Amino acid sequence: MFKKIFGCFLILATCFTLASCSKNKYIKLSYAEKQIEVFVGDEVNVKPNVEIGKKVKGYELEYTLSSNIATVNDGVLVANEAGTVILTVTA
């Protein structure tokens, strides 16, 4: 019973969220690959594919890394040490 109530609540919340969003005011970020392998010293372009709605005037991408073993500047990631890093991109 709880699962059915929770499921209905989740569906209603999703519908409310979708109804309250404007179709023309969105920024959608995507990547062709979810994971890449980079060797120490390599530079890789990590700029996402960006899709924007008609009402979006402009946007700025912010890159955040989970570790300092790599650096990112203007969408270019440089691997400084071996290891794993998670890149988060927000608009």
C-alpha atoms as a PDB file:
ATOM      1  CA  MET A   1       0.000   0.000   0.000  1.00  0.00           C
ATOM      2  CA  PHE A   2       2.792   2.412   0.934  1.00  0.00           C
ATOM      3  CA  LYS A   3       4.543   1.731  -2.392  1.00  0.00           C
ATOM      4  CA  LYS A   4       1.364   2.601  -4.334  1.00  0.00           C
ATOM      5  CA  ILE A   5       0.866   5.839  -2.389  1.00  0.00           C
ATOM      6  CA  PHE A   6       4.518   6.781  -2.768  1.00  0.00           C
ATOM      7  CA  GLY A   7       4.376   5.942  -6.485  1.00  0.00           C
ATOM      8  CA  CYS A   8       1.310   8.160  -6.969  1.00  0.00           C
ATOM      9  CA  PHE A   9       2.947  10.978  -5.030  1.00  0.00           C
ATOM     10  CA  LEU A  10       6.084  10.658  -7.156  1.00  0.00           C
ATOM     11  CA  ILE A  11       4.056  10.785 -10.381  1.00  0.00           C
ATOM     12  CA  LEU A  12       2.114  13.851  -9.189  1.00  0.00           C
ATOM     13  CA  ALA A  13       5.297  15.607  -8.105  1.00  0.00           C
ATOM     14  CA  THR A  14       6.881  14.908 -11.482  1.00  0.00           C
ATOM     15  CA  CYS A  15       3.825  16.216 -13.342  1.00  0.00           C
ATOM     16  CA  PHE A  16       3.775  19.362 -11.201  1.00  0.00           C
ATOM     17  CA  THR A  17       7.462  19.956 -11.825  1.00  0.00           C
ATOM     18  CA  LEU A  18       7.096  19.492 -15.570  1.00  0.00           C
ATOM     19  CA  ALA A  19       4.025  21.729 -15.724  1.00  0.00           C
ATOM     20  CA  SER A  20       5.744  24.517 -13.813  1.00  0.00           C
ATOM     21  CA  CYS A  21       8.802  24.565 -16.109  1.00  0.00           C
ATOM     22  CA  SER A  22       8.767  26.647 -19.234  1.00  0.00           C
ATOM     23  CA  LYS A  23       9.465  24.620 -22.361  1.00  0.00           C
ATOM     24  CA  ASN A  24      11.603  27.381 -23.819  1.00  0.00           C
ATOM     25  CA  LYS A  25      13.759  28.117 -20.772  1.00  0.00           C
ATOM     26  CA  TYR A  26      16.192  25.270 -20.237  1.00  0.00           C
ATOM     27  CA  ILE A  27      19.846  24.348 -20.567  1.00  0.00           C
ATOM     28  CA  LYS A  28      20.653  20.714 -21.310  1.00  0.00           C
ATOM     29  CA  LEU A  29      24.224  19.423 -20.993  1.00  0.00           C
ATOM     30  CA  SER A  30      25.274  16.079 -22.438  1.00  0.00           C
ATOM     31  CA  TYR A  31      28.346  14.047 -23.288  1.00  0.00           C
ATOM     32  CA  ALA A  32      28.879  11.353 -25.902  1.00  0.00           C
ATOM     33  CA  GLU A  33      30.936   9.358 -23.373  1.00  0.00           C
ATOM     34  CA  LYS A  34      30.383   8.994 -19.633  1.00  0.00           C
ATOM     35  CA  GLN A  35      33.935   7.906 -18.867  1.00  0.00           C
ATOM     36  CA  ILE A  36      37.274   8.641 -20.512  1.00  0.00           C
ATOM     37  CA  GLU A  37      40.836   7.499 -19.945  1.00  0.00           C
ATOM     38  CA  VAL A  38      43.505  10.185 -19.859  1.00  0.00           C
ATOM     39  CA  PHE A  39      47.218   9.690 -19.378  1.00  0.00           C
ATOM     40  CA  VAL A  40      49.375  11.922 -17.168  1.00  0.00           C
ATOM     41  CA  GLY A  41      50.261  15.082 -19.069  1.00  0.00           C
ATOM     42  CA  ASP A  42      47.474  14.672 -21.623  1.00  0.00           C
ATOM     43  CA  GLU A  43      45.009  17.464 -22.369  1.00  0.00           C
ATOM     44  CA  VAL A  44      41.405  16.606 -23.210  1.00  0.00           C
ATOM     45  CA  ASN A  45      38.533  18.853 -24.257  1.00  0.00           C
ATOM     46  CA  VAL A  46      35.727  18.208 -21.742  1.00  0.00           C
ATOM     47  CA  LYS A  47      33.244  20.831 -22.937  1.00  0.00           C
ATOM     48  CA  PRO A  48      29.759  19.285 -23.021  1.00  0.00           C
ATOM     49  CA  ASN A  49      27.239  19.440 -25.825  1.00  0.00           C
ATOM     50  CA  VAL A  50      24.906  22.284 -24.866  1.00  0.00           C
ATOM     51  CA  GLU A  51      21.268  22.617 -25.901  1.00  0.00           C
ATOM     52  CA  ILE A  52      19.463  25.789 -24.819  1.00  0.00           C
ATOM     53  CA  GLY A  53      15.857  26.888 -24.982  1.00  0.00           C
ATOM     54  CA  LYS A  54      14.715  29.942 -26.915  1.00  0.00           C
ATOM     55  CA  LYS A  55      14.215  32.056 -23.779  1.00  0.00           C
ATOM     56  CA  VAL A  56      17.735  31.510 -22.409  1.00  0.00           C
ATOM     57  CA  LYS A  57      19.731  34.720 -22.819  1.00  0.00           C
ATOM     58  CA  GLY A  58      23.131  33.266 -21.976  1.00  0.00           C
ATOM     59  CA  TYR A  59      24.905  30.796 -19.751  1.00  0.00           C
ATOM     60  CA  GLU A  60      28.263  30.091 -18.180  1.00  0.00           C
ATOM     61  CA  LEU A  61      29.701  26.642 -17.566  1.00  0.00           C
ATOM     62  CA  GLU A  62      31.333  25.864 -14.227  1.00  0.00           C
ATOM     63  CA  TYR A  63      33.700  22.914 -13.926  1.00  0.00           C
ATOM     64  CA  THR A  64      34.361  21.192 -10.582  1.00  0.00           C
ATOM     65  CA  LEU A  65      36.774  18.307  -9.958  1.00  0.00           C
ATOM     66  CA  SER A  66      36.579  15.825  -7.089  1.00  0.00           C
ATOM     67  CA  SER A  67      40.357  15.744  -6.696  1.00  0.00           C
ATOM     68  CA  ASN A  68      43.389  17.871  -7.451  1.00  0.00           C
ATOM     69  CA  ILE A  69      45.095  15.158  -9.526  1.00  0.00           C
ATOM     70  CA  ALA A  70      43.758  16.978 -12.603  1.00  0.00           C
ATOM     71  CA  THR A  71      43.019  20.571 -13.499  1.00  0.00           C
ATOM     72  CA  VAL A  72      40.433  22.056 -15.818  1.00  0.00           C
ATOM     73  CA  ASN A  73      40.577  25.476 -17.443  1.00  0.00           C
ATOM     74  CA  ASP A  74      38.030  26.709 -19.982  1.00  0.00           C
ATOM     75  CA  GLY A  75      36.874  23.168 -20.735  1.00  0.00           C
ATOM     76  CA  VAL A  76      40.324  21.622 -21.124  1.00  0.00           C
ATOM     77  CA  LEU A  77      41.237  18.953 -18.568  1.00  0.00           C
ATOM     78  CA  VAL A  78      44.910  18.186 -17.829  1.00  0.00           C
ATOM     79  CA  ALA A  79      45.860  15.001 -15.972  1.00  0.00           C
ATOM     80  CA  ASN A  80      48.603  15.828 -13.449  1.00  0.00           C
ATOM     81  CA  GLU A  81      48.807  12.502 -11.579  1.00  0.00           C
ATOM     82  CA  ALA A  82      47.484   8.966 -11.890  1.00  0.00           C
ATOM     83  CA  GLY A  83      44.126   8.225 -10.287  1.00  0.00           C
ATOM     84  CA  THR A  84      40.408   8.758 -10.680  1.00  0.00           C
ATOM     85  CA  VAL A  85      38.619  12.081 -10.741  1.00  0.00           C
ATOM     86  CA  ILE A  86      34.965  13.001 -11.150  1.00  0.00           C
ATOM     87  CA  LEU A  87      34.201  16.063 -13.256  1.00  0.00           C
ATOM     88  CA  THR A  88      30.970  17.950 -12.582  1.00  0.00           C
ATOM     89  CA  VAL A  89      29.770  20.554 -15.063  1.00  0.00           C
ATOM     90  CA  THR A  90      26.963  22.980 -14.208  1.00  0.00           C
ATOM     91  CA  ALA A  91      25.387  25.808 -16.173  1.00  0.00           C
END
